[in-house]
N, C-alpha and C. Protein backbone atom coordinates (compact mmCIF):
# COMPACT_ATOMS: atom_id res chain seq x y z
N MET A 1 -44.50 -2.68 43.58
CA MET A 1 -45.59 -3.40 44.23
C MET A 1 -46.70 -2.43 44.62
N ILE A 2 -47.94 -2.93 44.56
CA ILE A 2 -49.08 -2.14 45.00
C ILE A 2 -49.35 -2.40 46.48
N PHE A 3 -49.25 -3.68 46.85
CA PHE A 3 -49.41 -4.08 48.25
C PHE A 3 -48.11 -4.73 48.71
N GLU A 4 -47.93 -4.85 50.00
CA GLU A 4 -46.78 -5.54 50.55
C GLU A 4 -47.11 -7.03 50.73
N ASN A 5 -47.67 -7.63 49.69
CA ASN A 5 -48.09 -9.02 49.78
C ASN A 5 -48.13 -9.58 48.37
N ASP A 6 -47.40 -10.69 48.14
CA ASP A 6 -47.30 -11.23 46.79
C ASP A 6 -48.66 -11.64 46.22
N PHE A 7 -49.49 -12.27 47.04
CA PHE A 7 -50.80 -12.70 46.56
C PHE A 7 -51.67 -11.50 46.18
N LEU A 8 -51.68 -10.47 47.03
CA LEU A 8 -52.47 -9.28 46.74
C LEU A 8 -51.93 -8.56 45.52
N ASP A 9 -50.61 -8.54 45.36
CA ASP A 9 -50.02 -7.91 44.17
C ASP A 9 -50.47 -8.64 42.90
N ALA A 10 -50.46 -9.98 42.95
CA ALA A 10 -50.89 -10.77 41.79
C ALA A 10 -52.37 -10.51 41.49
N ALA A 11 -53.21 -10.47 42.53
CA ALA A 11 -54.64 -10.22 42.34
C ALA A 11 -54.87 -8.82 41.79
N ALA A 12 -54.11 -7.83 42.32
CA ALA A 12 -54.26 -6.46 41.84
C ALA A 12 -53.83 -6.34 40.39
N PHE A 13 -52.77 -7.06 40.01
CA PHE A 13 -52.32 -7.02 38.63
C PHE A 13 -53.40 -7.53 37.69
N ILE A 14 -54.04 -8.65 38.05
CA ILE A 14 -55.10 -9.21 37.21
C ILE A 14 -56.28 -8.26 37.12
N VAL A 15 -56.64 -7.64 38.26
CA VAL A 15 -57.77 -6.69 38.27
C VAL A 15 -57.48 -5.52 37.34
N LEU A 16 -56.23 -5.06 37.26
CA LEU A 16 -55.88 -3.94 36.39
C LEU A 16 -55.68 -4.40 34.94
N LEU A 17 -55.19 -5.63 34.77
CA LEU A 17 -54.94 -6.13 33.42
C LEU A 17 -56.23 -6.38 32.66
N ILE A 18 -57.22 -6.98 33.31
CA ILE A 18 -58.44 -7.40 32.61
C ILE A 18 -59.15 -6.24 31.91
N PRO A 19 -59.43 -5.10 32.59
CA PRO A 19 -60.09 -4.01 31.85
C PRO A 19 -59.21 -3.44 30.73
N SER A 20 -57.90 -3.50 30.91
CA SER A 20 -56.99 -2.98 29.89
C SER A 20 -57.06 -3.81 28.61
N ILE A 21 -57.04 -5.15 28.77
CA ILE A 21 -57.07 -5.98 27.57
C ILE A 21 -58.47 -6.07 26.98
N ILE A 22 -59.50 -5.91 27.82
CA ILE A 22 -60.87 -5.89 27.29
C ILE A 22 -61.08 -4.65 26.42
N ALA A 23 -60.64 -3.49 26.91
CA ALA A 23 -60.75 -2.26 26.12
C ALA A 23 -59.99 -2.41 24.81
N HIS A 24 -58.84 -3.06 24.87
CA HIS A 24 -58.02 -3.32 23.69
C HIS A 24 -58.81 -4.13 22.66
N GLU A 25 -59.43 -5.22 23.10
CA GLU A 25 -60.16 -6.10 22.19
C GLU A 25 -61.44 -5.44 21.65
N VAL A 26 -62.16 -4.73 22.51
CA VAL A 26 -63.37 -4.04 22.06
C VAL A 26 -63.03 -3.01 20.99
N ALA A 27 -61.88 -2.35 21.15
CA ALA A 27 -61.45 -1.37 20.14
C ALA A 27 -61.24 -2.04 18.79
N HIS A 28 -60.62 -3.22 18.79
CA HIS A 28 -60.46 -3.97 17.53
C HIS A 28 -61.83 -4.20 16.88
N GLY A 29 -62.75 -4.74 17.66
CA GLY A 29 -64.06 -5.07 17.10
C GLY A 29 -64.84 -3.87 16.64
N THR A 30 -64.74 -2.76 17.39
CA THR A 30 -65.48 -1.54 17.03
C THR A 30 -64.98 -0.95 15.72
N VAL A 31 -63.65 -0.90 15.57
CA VAL A 31 -63.08 -0.36 14.33
C VAL A 31 -63.38 -1.29 13.16
N ALA A 32 -63.30 -2.60 13.40
CA ALA A 32 -63.63 -3.55 12.33
C ALA A 32 -65.08 -3.34 11.86
N LEU A 33 -65.99 -3.10 12.82
CA LEU A 33 -67.39 -2.86 12.45
C LEU A 33 -67.52 -1.59 11.62
N ARG A 34 -66.80 -0.56 12.02
CA ARG A 34 -66.85 0.70 11.25
C ARG A 34 -66.32 0.51 9.83
N LEU A 35 -65.42 -0.46 9.67
CA LEU A 35 -64.85 -0.72 8.34
C LEU A 35 -65.65 -1.76 7.56
N GLY A 36 -66.76 -2.26 8.14
CA GLY A 36 -67.64 -3.15 7.40
C GLY A 36 -67.70 -4.59 7.88
N ASP A 37 -66.94 -4.94 8.94
CA ASP A 37 -66.93 -6.32 9.41
C ASP A 37 -67.79 -6.45 10.67
N PRO A 38 -68.96 -7.11 10.59
CA PRO A 38 -69.85 -7.23 11.75
C PRO A 38 -69.57 -8.45 12.63
N THR A 39 -68.49 -9.18 12.36
CA THR A 39 -68.25 -10.46 13.03
C THR A 39 -68.18 -10.33 14.54
N ALA A 40 -67.41 -9.37 15.04
CA ALA A 40 -67.28 -9.21 16.49
C ALA A 40 -68.61 -8.80 17.12
N ARG A 41 -69.34 -7.92 16.45
CA ARG A 41 -70.65 -7.51 16.96
C ARG A 41 -71.59 -8.70 17.03
N ASP A 42 -71.63 -9.49 15.96
CA ASP A 42 -72.54 -10.63 15.91
C ASP A 42 -72.16 -11.71 16.92
N ALA A 43 -70.88 -11.75 17.31
CA ALA A 43 -70.41 -12.72 18.30
C ALA A 43 -70.59 -12.22 19.73
N GLY A 44 -71.16 -11.02 19.88
CA GLY A 44 -71.38 -10.46 21.20
C GLY A 44 -70.12 -9.98 21.89
N ARG A 45 -69.12 -9.56 21.10
CA ARG A 45 -67.84 -9.17 21.68
C ARG A 45 -67.66 -7.66 21.80
N LEU A 46 -68.64 -6.87 21.36
CA LEU A 46 -68.53 -5.42 21.52
C LEU A 46 -69.17 -5.01 22.84
N THR A 47 -68.64 -5.55 23.91
CA THR A 47 -69.16 -5.28 25.24
C THR A 47 -68.01 -5.17 26.22
N LEU A 48 -68.20 -4.35 27.27
CA LEU A 48 -67.20 -4.24 28.32
C LEU A 48 -67.41 -5.28 29.41
N ASN A 49 -68.45 -6.09 29.27
CA ASN A 49 -68.63 -7.22 30.18
C ASN A 49 -67.43 -8.16 30.02
N PRO A 50 -66.70 -8.44 31.08
CA PRO A 50 -65.46 -9.23 30.93
C PRO A 50 -65.67 -10.68 30.55
N ILE A 51 -66.83 -11.24 30.84
CA ILE A 51 -67.02 -12.68 30.67
C ILE A 51 -66.78 -13.16 29.23
N PRO A 52 -67.31 -12.49 28.19
CA PRO A 52 -67.05 -12.99 26.83
C PRO A 52 -65.59 -12.84 26.40
N HIS A 53 -64.82 -12.01 27.09
CA HIS A 53 -63.46 -11.72 26.65
C HIS A 53 -62.39 -12.52 27.39
N ILE A 54 -62.69 -12.98 28.60
CA ILE A 54 -61.65 -13.58 29.44
C ILE A 54 -61.27 -14.97 28.94
N ASP A 55 -59.98 -15.16 28.75
CA ASP A 55 -59.42 -16.48 28.52
C ASP A 55 -58.93 -16.96 29.88
N PRO A 56 -59.54 -18.02 30.44
CA PRO A 56 -59.19 -18.41 31.82
C PRO A 56 -57.69 -18.58 32.04
N PHE A 57 -57.01 -19.19 31.07
CA PHE A 57 -55.57 -19.39 31.24
C PHE A 57 -54.80 -18.11 30.98
N GLY A 58 -55.06 -17.47 29.83
CA GLY A 58 -54.26 -16.31 29.42
C GLY A 58 -54.57 -15.04 30.18
N SER A 59 -55.80 -14.91 30.71
CA SER A 59 -56.19 -13.67 31.39
C SER A 59 -56.03 -13.75 32.91
N VAL A 60 -56.06 -14.96 33.47
CA VAL A 60 -56.06 -15.10 34.93
C VAL A 60 -54.94 -16.00 35.44
N ILE A 61 -54.94 -17.27 35.01
CA ILE A 61 -54.03 -18.25 35.60
C ILE A 61 -52.57 -17.91 35.31
N LEU A 62 -52.22 -17.76 34.03
CA LEU A 62 -50.81 -17.51 33.67
C LEU A 62 -50.29 -16.20 34.26
N PRO A 63 -50.97 -15.04 34.03
CA PRO A 63 -50.43 -13.80 34.62
C PRO A 63 -50.38 -13.85 36.14
N GLY A 64 -51.35 -14.53 36.76
CA GLY A 64 -51.34 -14.64 38.22
C GLY A 64 -50.14 -15.42 38.72
N LEU A 65 -49.87 -16.56 38.08
CA LEU A 65 -48.72 -17.37 38.47
C LEU A 65 -47.41 -16.63 38.23
N LEU A 66 -47.32 -15.93 37.10
CA LEU A 66 -46.09 -15.19 36.81
C LEU A 66 -45.89 -14.05 37.80
N ALA A 67 -46.99 -13.38 38.17
CA ALA A 67 -46.89 -12.29 39.15
C ALA A 67 -46.43 -12.83 40.50
N LEU A 68 -46.99 -13.98 40.92
CA LEU A 68 -46.59 -14.59 42.19
C LEU A 68 -45.12 -15.00 42.17
N ALA A 69 -44.64 -15.44 40.99
CA ALA A 69 -43.26 -15.89 40.87
C ALA A 69 -42.28 -14.74 40.69
N GLY A 70 -42.81 -13.52 40.53
CA GLY A 70 -41.94 -12.37 40.30
C GLY A 70 -41.28 -12.41 38.94
N SER A 71 -41.90 -13.11 37.99
CA SER A 71 -41.34 -13.25 36.65
C SER A 71 -41.94 -12.22 35.71
N THR A 72 -41.51 -12.26 34.45
CA THR A 72 -42.08 -11.39 33.42
C THR A 72 -43.56 -11.67 33.28
N ILE A 73 -44.40 -10.63 33.33
CA ILE A 73 -45.85 -10.81 33.26
C ILE A 73 -46.29 -10.88 31.81
N PHE A 74 -47.13 -11.85 31.52
CA PHE A 74 -47.58 -12.08 30.16
C PHE A 74 -49.02 -12.57 30.23
N GLY A 75 -49.90 -12.02 29.41
CA GLY A 75 -51.29 -12.45 29.43
C GLY A 75 -52.04 -11.95 28.22
N TRP A 76 -53.25 -12.46 28.03
CA TRP A 76 -54.04 -12.07 26.87
C TRP A 76 -55.52 -12.34 27.14
N ALA A 77 -56.37 -11.70 26.34
CA ALA A 77 -57.80 -11.99 26.33
C ALA A 77 -58.10 -12.83 25.09
N LYS A 78 -59.34 -13.32 24.98
CA LYS A 78 -59.74 -14.01 23.76
C LYS A 78 -59.70 -13.01 22.61
N PRO A 79 -59.00 -13.31 21.52
CA PRO A 79 -58.96 -12.37 20.40
C PRO A 79 -60.36 -12.14 19.82
N VAL A 80 -60.65 -10.90 19.48
CA VAL A 80 -61.91 -10.58 18.81
C VAL A 80 -61.85 -11.12 17.38
N PRO A 81 -62.89 -11.82 16.92
CA PRO A 81 -62.87 -12.36 15.56
C PRO A 81 -62.98 -11.24 14.52
N VAL A 82 -62.12 -11.30 13.54
CA VAL A 82 -62.12 -10.33 12.43
C VAL A 82 -62.02 -11.11 11.13
N VAL A 83 -62.87 -10.76 10.16
CA VAL A 83 -62.88 -11.44 8.85
C VAL A 83 -62.47 -10.42 7.78
N PRO A 84 -61.22 -10.52 7.28
CA PRO A 84 -60.69 -9.50 6.36
C PRO A 84 -61.51 -9.31 5.08
N ARG A 85 -62.23 -10.35 4.63
CA ARG A 85 -62.94 -10.23 3.34
C ARG A 85 -64.04 -9.17 3.38
N TYR A 86 -64.45 -8.76 4.59
CA TYR A 86 -65.46 -7.71 4.69
C TYR A 86 -64.88 -6.33 4.36
N PHE A 87 -63.57 -6.20 4.44
CA PHE A 87 -62.94 -4.89 4.23
C PHE A 87 -62.79 -4.61 2.73
N ARG A 88 -62.92 -3.35 2.39
CA ARG A 88 -62.71 -2.95 0.99
C ARG A 88 -61.29 -3.28 0.57
N ASN A 89 -60.32 -2.98 1.43
CA ASN A 89 -58.92 -3.35 1.22
C ASN A 89 -58.51 -4.18 2.43
N PRO A 90 -58.44 -5.52 2.30
CA PRO A 90 -58.18 -6.38 3.47
C PRO A 90 -56.89 -6.05 4.21
N THR A 91 -55.81 -5.75 3.47
CA THR A 91 -54.53 -5.46 4.13
C THR A 91 -54.62 -4.19 4.95
N GLU A 92 -55.15 -3.14 4.36
CA GLU A 92 -55.28 -1.87 5.09
C GLU A 92 -56.30 -2.00 6.22
N GLY A 93 -57.40 -2.71 5.95
CA GLY A 93 -58.42 -2.88 6.98
C GLY A 93 -57.89 -3.61 8.20
N MET A 94 -57.10 -4.66 7.99
CA MET A 94 -56.52 -5.40 9.10
C MET A 94 -55.51 -4.53 9.87
N ALA A 95 -54.75 -3.71 9.15
CA ALA A 95 -53.77 -2.85 9.80
C ALA A 95 -54.46 -1.81 10.69
N ILE A 96 -55.51 -1.19 10.17
CA ILE A 96 -56.22 -0.17 10.94
C ILE A 96 -56.90 -0.80 12.15
N THR A 97 -57.51 -1.97 11.94
CA THR A 97 -58.17 -2.68 13.03
C THR A 97 -57.16 -3.06 14.11
N ALA A 98 -56.00 -3.54 13.69
CA ALA A 98 -54.96 -3.94 14.64
C ALA A 98 -54.46 -2.74 15.43
N LEU A 99 -54.27 -1.62 14.76
CA LEU A 99 -53.72 -0.42 15.41
C LEU A 99 -54.66 0.12 16.48
N ALA A 100 -55.95 -0.17 16.36
CA ALA A 100 -56.92 0.36 17.32
C ALA A 100 -56.66 -0.13 18.73
N GLY A 101 -56.16 -1.36 18.89
CA GLY A 101 -55.92 -1.90 20.22
C GLY A 101 -54.83 -1.15 20.98
N PRO A 102 -53.59 -1.08 20.44
CA PRO A 102 -52.54 -0.32 21.11
C PRO A 102 -52.89 1.15 21.28
N ALA A 103 -53.59 1.73 20.30
CA ALA A 103 -53.99 3.13 20.42
C ALA A 103 -54.90 3.33 21.62
N THR A 104 -55.80 2.38 21.86
CA THR A 104 -56.71 2.47 23.00
C THR A 104 -55.94 2.38 24.31
N ASN A 105 -54.96 1.47 24.38
CA ASN A 105 -54.15 1.38 25.60
C ASN A 105 -53.37 2.66 25.85
N LEU A 106 -52.86 3.28 24.79
CA LEU A 106 -52.14 4.55 24.97
C LEU A 106 -53.09 5.64 25.44
N VAL A 107 -54.30 5.69 24.90
CA VAL A 107 -55.29 6.67 25.34
C VAL A 107 -55.61 6.48 26.82
N LEU A 108 -55.75 5.23 27.26
CA LEU A 108 -56.01 4.96 28.68
C LEU A 108 -54.85 5.43 29.54
N ALA A 109 -53.63 5.24 29.06
CA ALA A 109 -52.46 5.72 29.81
C ALA A 109 -52.46 7.25 29.89
N VAL A 110 -52.80 7.91 28.78
CA VAL A 110 -52.85 9.37 28.77
C VAL A 110 -53.93 9.89 29.71
N ILE A 111 -55.11 9.27 29.67
CA ILE A 111 -56.19 9.69 30.58
C ILE A 111 -55.76 9.52 32.03
N THR A 112 -55.06 8.42 32.31
CA THR A 112 -54.59 8.17 33.68
C THR A 112 -53.61 9.24 34.12
N GLY A 113 -52.60 9.51 33.26
CA GLY A 113 -51.55 10.42 33.67
C GLY A 113 -51.91 11.89 33.60
N ARG A 114 -52.68 12.27 32.59
CA ARG A 114 -52.93 13.70 32.37
C ARG A 114 -54.31 14.16 32.84
N VAL A 115 -55.15 13.22 33.25
CA VAL A 115 -56.47 13.61 33.76
C VAL A 115 -56.65 13.10 35.20
N VAL A 116 -56.68 11.79 35.36
CA VAL A 116 -57.00 11.21 36.67
C VAL A 116 -56.01 11.63 37.74
N LEU A 117 -54.72 11.48 37.46
CA LEU A 117 -53.72 11.81 38.48
C LEU A 117 -53.60 13.31 38.70
N GLN A 118 -54.05 14.11 37.74
CA GLN A 118 -54.00 15.56 37.90
C GLN A 118 -55.22 16.09 38.66
N VAL A 119 -56.33 15.39 38.53
CA VAL A 119 -57.59 15.87 39.13
C VAL A 119 -57.79 15.31 40.54
N LEU A 120 -57.49 14.02 40.72
CA LEU A 120 -57.75 13.38 42.01
C LEU A 120 -56.54 13.47 42.92
N ASP A 121 -56.79 13.75 44.17
CA ASP A 121 -55.72 13.82 45.17
C ASP A 121 -55.57 12.44 45.82
N LEU A 122 -54.79 11.59 45.15
CA LEU A 122 -54.66 10.21 45.60
C LEU A 122 -53.41 10.02 46.44
N HIS A 123 -53.48 9.06 47.34
CA HIS A 123 -52.33 8.76 48.20
C HIS A 123 -52.25 7.25 48.41
N GLY A 124 -51.09 6.80 48.83
CA GLY A 124 -50.91 5.42 49.25
C GLY A 124 -51.25 4.41 48.17
N THR A 125 -52.00 3.38 48.57
CA THR A 125 -52.33 2.27 47.67
C THR A 125 -53.11 2.74 46.46
N ALA A 126 -54.04 3.66 46.64
CA ALA A 126 -54.85 4.16 45.51
C ALA A 126 -53.96 4.83 44.48
N LEU A 127 -53.00 5.64 44.93
CA LEU A 127 -52.09 6.32 44.01
C LEU A 127 -51.25 5.30 43.24
N ARG A 128 -50.72 4.31 43.96
CA ARG A 128 -49.89 3.29 43.31
C ARG A 128 -50.70 2.49 42.30
N ALA A 129 -51.95 2.13 42.66
CA ALA A 129 -52.78 1.35 41.75
C ALA A 129 -53.11 2.11 40.48
N VAL A 130 -53.48 3.39 40.61
CA VAL A 130 -53.82 4.20 39.44
C VAL A 130 -52.58 4.42 38.57
N PHE A 131 -51.46 4.71 39.20
CA PHE A 131 -50.21 4.90 38.43
C PHE A 131 -49.85 3.61 37.69
N PHE A 132 -49.98 2.47 38.37
CA PHE A 132 -49.63 1.20 37.75
C PHE A 132 -50.56 0.88 36.60
N PHE A 133 -51.84 1.26 36.71
CA PHE A 133 -52.78 1.07 35.60
C PHE A 133 -52.30 1.84 34.36
N GLY A 134 -51.88 3.07 34.55
CA GLY A 134 -51.36 3.85 33.44
C GLY A 134 -50.09 3.24 32.87
N LEU A 135 -49.18 2.82 33.76
CA LEU A 135 -47.93 2.19 33.32
C LEU A 135 -48.22 0.91 32.54
N LEU A 136 -49.13 0.09 33.04
CA LEU A 136 -49.48 -1.16 32.38
C LEU A 136 -50.00 -0.90 30.97
N ASN A 137 -50.85 0.10 30.81
CA ASN A 137 -51.40 0.39 29.49
C ASN A 137 -50.35 0.95 28.54
N ALA A 138 -49.40 1.72 29.06
CA ALA A 138 -48.31 2.20 28.21
C ALA A 138 -47.48 1.02 27.71
N VAL A 139 -47.19 0.06 28.60
CA VAL A 139 -46.42 -1.12 28.21
C VAL A 139 -47.20 -1.97 27.21
N LEU A 140 -48.50 -2.15 27.45
CA LEU A 140 -49.32 -2.92 26.51
C LEU A 140 -49.34 -2.29 25.13
N ALA A 141 -49.41 -0.96 25.08
CA ALA A 141 -49.43 -0.27 23.79
C ALA A 141 -48.15 -0.56 23.01
N VAL A 142 -47.01 -0.47 23.68
CA VAL A 142 -45.72 -0.70 23.00
C VAL A 142 -45.53 -2.17 22.66
N PHE A 143 -45.81 -3.04 23.63
CA PHE A 143 -45.59 -4.48 23.44
C PHE A 143 -46.40 -5.00 22.25
N ASN A 144 -47.66 -4.57 22.14
CA ASN A 144 -48.52 -5.08 21.08
C ASN A 144 -48.14 -4.57 19.70
N LEU A 145 -47.27 -3.59 19.63
CA LEU A 145 -46.80 -3.11 18.33
C LEU A 145 -45.59 -3.87 17.82
N LEU A 146 -45.07 -4.82 18.60
CA LEU A 146 -43.98 -5.65 18.10
C LEU A 146 -44.46 -6.43 16.88
N PRO A 147 -43.64 -6.50 15.82
CA PRO A 147 -44.10 -7.15 14.58
C PRO A 147 -43.99 -8.67 14.61
N ILE A 148 -44.59 -9.27 15.64
CA ILE A 148 -44.52 -10.72 15.82
C ILE A 148 -45.94 -11.26 15.93
N PRO A 149 -46.35 -12.18 15.07
CA PRO A 149 -47.68 -12.77 15.20
C PRO A 149 -47.82 -13.45 16.57
N PRO A 150 -48.94 -13.36 17.23
CA PRO A 150 -50.20 -12.74 16.79
C PRO A 150 -50.37 -11.29 17.27
N LEU A 151 -49.28 -10.62 17.64
CA LEU A 151 -49.39 -9.24 18.12
C LEU A 151 -49.84 -8.31 17.00
N ASP A 152 -50.37 -7.17 17.40
CA ASP A 152 -50.96 -6.24 16.42
C ASP A 152 -49.94 -5.70 15.42
N GLY A 153 -48.70 -5.55 15.86
CA GLY A 153 -47.68 -5.04 14.95
C GLY A 153 -47.47 -5.92 13.73
N SER A 154 -47.81 -7.20 13.86
CA SER A 154 -47.65 -8.11 12.72
C SER A 154 -48.64 -7.79 11.61
N ARG A 155 -49.73 -7.07 11.93
CA ARG A 155 -50.71 -6.69 10.92
C ARG A 155 -50.32 -5.40 10.20
N LEU A 156 -49.30 -4.72 10.73
CA LEU A 156 -48.85 -3.49 10.09
C LEU A 156 -47.77 -3.76 9.05
N LEU A 157 -46.98 -4.81 9.27
CA LEU A 157 -45.89 -5.13 8.35
C LEU A 157 -46.33 -5.34 6.90
N PRO A 158 -47.45 -6.04 6.64
CA PRO A 158 -47.85 -6.25 5.24
C PRO A 158 -48.04 -4.96 4.45
N LEU A 159 -48.23 -3.85 5.15
CA LEU A 159 -48.39 -2.57 4.44
C LEU A 159 -47.12 -2.18 3.70
N VAL A 160 -45.96 -2.63 4.19
CA VAL A 160 -44.69 -2.22 3.59
C VAL A 160 -43.96 -3.38 2.91
N LEU A 161 -44.55 -4.59 2.96
CA LEU A 161 -43.91 -5.74 2.33
C LEU A 161 -44.39 -5.92 0.89
N THR A 162 -43.55 -6.46 0.07
CA THR A 162 -43.94 -6.83 -1.29
C THR A 162 -44.84 -8.06 -1.22
N PRO A 163 -45.58 -8.38 -2.30
CA PRO A 163 -46.40 -9.60 -2.28
C PRO A 163 -45.60 -10.85 -1.92
N ASN A 164 -44.37 -10.95 -2.43
CA ASN A 164 -43.53 -12.09 -2.10
C ASN A 164 -43.15 -12.06 -0.62
N GLY A 165 -42.87 -10.86 -0.11
CA GLY A 165 -42.54 -10.71 1.30
C GLY A 165 -43.71 -11.09 2.19
N ARG A 166 -44.92 -10.76 1.77
CA ARG A 166 -46.10 -11.13 2.54
C ARG A 166 -46.27 -12.64 2.60
N ARG A 167 -46.00 -13.31 1.48
CA ARG A 167 -46.11 -14.77 1.46
C ARG A 167 -45.09 -15.40 2.40
N MET A 168 -43.87 -14.88 2.38
CA MET A 168 -42.82 -15.41 3.26
C MET A 168 -43.18 -15.15 4.73
N TYR A 169 -43.71 -13.97 4.99
CA TYR A 169 -44.08 -13.62 6.36
C TYR A 169 -45.24 -14.50 6.85
N ALA A 170 -46.15 -14.84 5.95
CA ALA A 170 -47.27 -15.70 6.32
C ALA A 170 -46.79 -17.09 6.73
N GLN A 171 -45.68 -17.55 6.14
CA GLN A 171 -45.13 -18.85 6.51
C GLN A 171 -44.54 -18.83 7.92
N VAL A 172 -44.04 -17.67 8.34
CA VAL A 172 -43.46 -17.53 9.68
C VAL A 172 -44.55 -17.41 10.73
N GLU A 173 -45.75 -16.97 10.32
CA GLU A 173 -46.82 -16.65 11.26
C GLU A 173 -47.17 -17.82 12.17
N GLN A 174 -47.09 -19.05 11.65
CA GLN A 174 -47.46 -20.22 12.46
C GLN A 174 -46.51 -20.43 13.63
N TYR A 175 -45.32 -19.83 13.57
CA TYR A 175 -44.36 -19.96 14.65
C TYR A 175 -44.34 -18.73 15.56
N GLY A 176 -45.31 -17.84 15.35
CA GLY A 176 -45.30 -16.57 16.07
C GLY A 176 -45.32 -16.73 17.57
N PHE A 177 -46.20 -17.60 18.08
CA PHE A 177 -46.32 -17.78 19.53
C PHE A 177 -45.02 -18.31 20.12
N LEU A 178 -44.36 -19.24 19.43
CA LEU A 178 -43.09 -19.78 19.91
C LEU A 178 -42.03 -18.68 19.98
N ILE A 179 -41.98 -17.85 18.94
CA ILE A 179 -41.02 -16.74 18.92
C ILE A 179 -41.32 -15.77 20.06
N LEU A 180 -42.61 -15.50 20.25
CA LEU A 180 -43.02 -14.55 21.28
C LEU A 180 -42.67 -15.07 22.67
N PHE A 181 -42.95 -16.33 22.93
CA PHE A 181 -42.62 -16.91 24.23
C PHE A 181 -41.11 -16.90 24.46
N ALA A 182 -40.34 -17.19 23.41
CA ALA A 182 -38.88 -17.17 23.55
C ALA A 182 -38.40 -15.76 23.90
N LEU A 183 -38.97 -14.76 23.26
CA LEU A 183 -38.58 -13.38 23.56
C LEU A 183 -38.93 -13.00 24.99
N VAL A 184 -40.13 -13.37 25.43
CA VAL A 184 -40.62 -12.96 26.74
C VAL A 184 -39.91 -13.69 27.87
N PHE A 185 -39.66 -14.98 27.70
CA PHE A 185 -39.15 -15.78 28.80
C PHE A 185 -37.68 -16.17 28.69
N VAL A 186 -37.12 -16.14 27.49
CA VAL A 186 -35.72 -16.52 27.32
C VAL A 186 -34.84 -15.29 27.07
N TRP A 187 -35.30 -14.42 26.20
CA TRP A 187 -34.50 -13.24 25.83
C TRP A 187 -35.09 -11.98 26.45
N ARG A 188 -35.64 -12.11 27.68
CA ARG A 188 -36.40 -11.00 28.25
C ARG A 188 -35.53 -9.78 28.52
N ASP A 189 -34.25 -9.99 28.85
CA ASP A 189 -33.38 -8.83 29.09
C ASP A 189 -33.18 -8.04 27.80
N GLY A 190 -32.95 -8.77 26.71
CA GLY A 190 -32.79 -8.09 25.42
C GLY A 190 -34.09 -7.43 24.98
N LEU A 191 -35.22 -8.10 25.21
CA LEU A 191 -36.51 -7.52 24.88
C LEU A 191 -36.76 -6.26 25.70
N GLY A 192 -36.38 -6.32 26.99
CA GLY A 192 -36.55 -5.15 27.85
C GLY A 192 -35.73 -3.97 27.36
N ARG A 193 -34.50 -4.23 26.94
CA ARG A 193 -33.66 -3.14 26.42
C ARG A 193 -34.25 -2.57 25.14
N MET A 194 -34.78 -3.44 24.28
CA MET A 194 -35.34 -2.99 23.01
C MET A 194 -36.59 -2.14 23.22
N MET A 195 -37.36 -2.47 24.25
CA MET A 195 -38.62 -1.77 24.48
C MET A 195 -38.47 -0.56 25.40
N ARG A 196 -37.30 -0.40 26.03
CA ARG A 196 -37.16 0.63 27.07
C ARG A 196 -37.47 2.03 26.55
N GLU A 197 -36.85 2.41 25.44
CA GLU A 197 -37.05 3.77 24.94
C GLU A 197 -38.47 4.01 24.42
N PRO A 198 -39.06 3.07 23.64
CA PRO A 198 -40.45 3.27 23.25
C PRO A 198 -41.40 3.38 24.45
N ILE A 199 -41.16 2.58 25.50
CA ILE A 199 -42.01 2.67 26.69
C ILE A 199 -41.81 4.00 27.39
N ASN A 200 -40.56 4.46 27.49
CA ASN A 200 -40.30 5.77 28.10
C ASN A 200 -40.99 6.88 27.33
N LEU A 201 -41.00 6.77 25.99
CA LEU A 201 -41.69 7.77 25.17
C LEU A 201 -43.18 7.73 25.45
N ALA A 202 -43.75 6.53 25.51
CA ALA A 202 -45.19 6.41 25.81
C ALA A 202 -45.52 6.99 27.18
N LEU A 203 -44.64 6.78 28.16
CA LEU A 203 -44.86 7.32 29.49
C LEU A 203 -44.79 8.84 29.50
N ARG A 204 -43.87 9.39 28.72
CA ARG A 204 -43.78 10.86 28.63
C ARG A 204 -45.02 11.43 27.98
N VAL A 205 -45.51 10.77 26.92
CA VAL A 205 -46.74 11.22 26.26
C VAL A 205 -47.90 11.16 27.24
N ALA A 206 -47.93 10.12 28.07
CA ALA A 206 -49.02 9.95 29.03
C ALA A 206 -48.88 10.83 30.27
N GLY A 207 -47.73 11.45 30.43
CA GLY A 207 -47.52 12.28 31.61
C GLY A 207 -47.31 11.48 32.88
N LEU A 208 -46.75 10.27 32.74
CA LEU A 208 -46.54 9.39 33.89
C LEU A 208 -45.06 9.39 34.32
């Protein structure tokens, strides 16, 4: 906990989550633009202004309610639009664009652990908030690499699948959200065990 108050903890979580997921989405759009896709730029999504990115339910209401309930925290921003046909190689372009989001969260965790916490003499609530920001970004980096649509890891799998495998995987994609919700809310203990070591590795890299 950051504060000794459930409401304040939920509010603090949202305040820390929003810039983390915004940076994640802007990274997708920026890399897509570098690879030839101007869609996110033209939609006004290459900005750190939170308003174009916030999904009222996924960014505020759901994570806030889950935080208040002491349950597994889950949330998202509006996905940045990406059009694969702009890429020279659509499969590789989508994979690189997808990887930019988790990479950005890991960089934020590293900056938090190896720069901010080393330079600033923080105590009490400020120390807990900054540490939790780094922890949150390390978790986001690992979680988004799960190979489940619509998470970023699902865009990496086509790199190693055969054409037939890609077609089969595309058929599963429509059920991705259902699978994801089942993992987060039904099989959360198993998901936690599966993610524990990758998260610990990310934390060690970040110096947290």
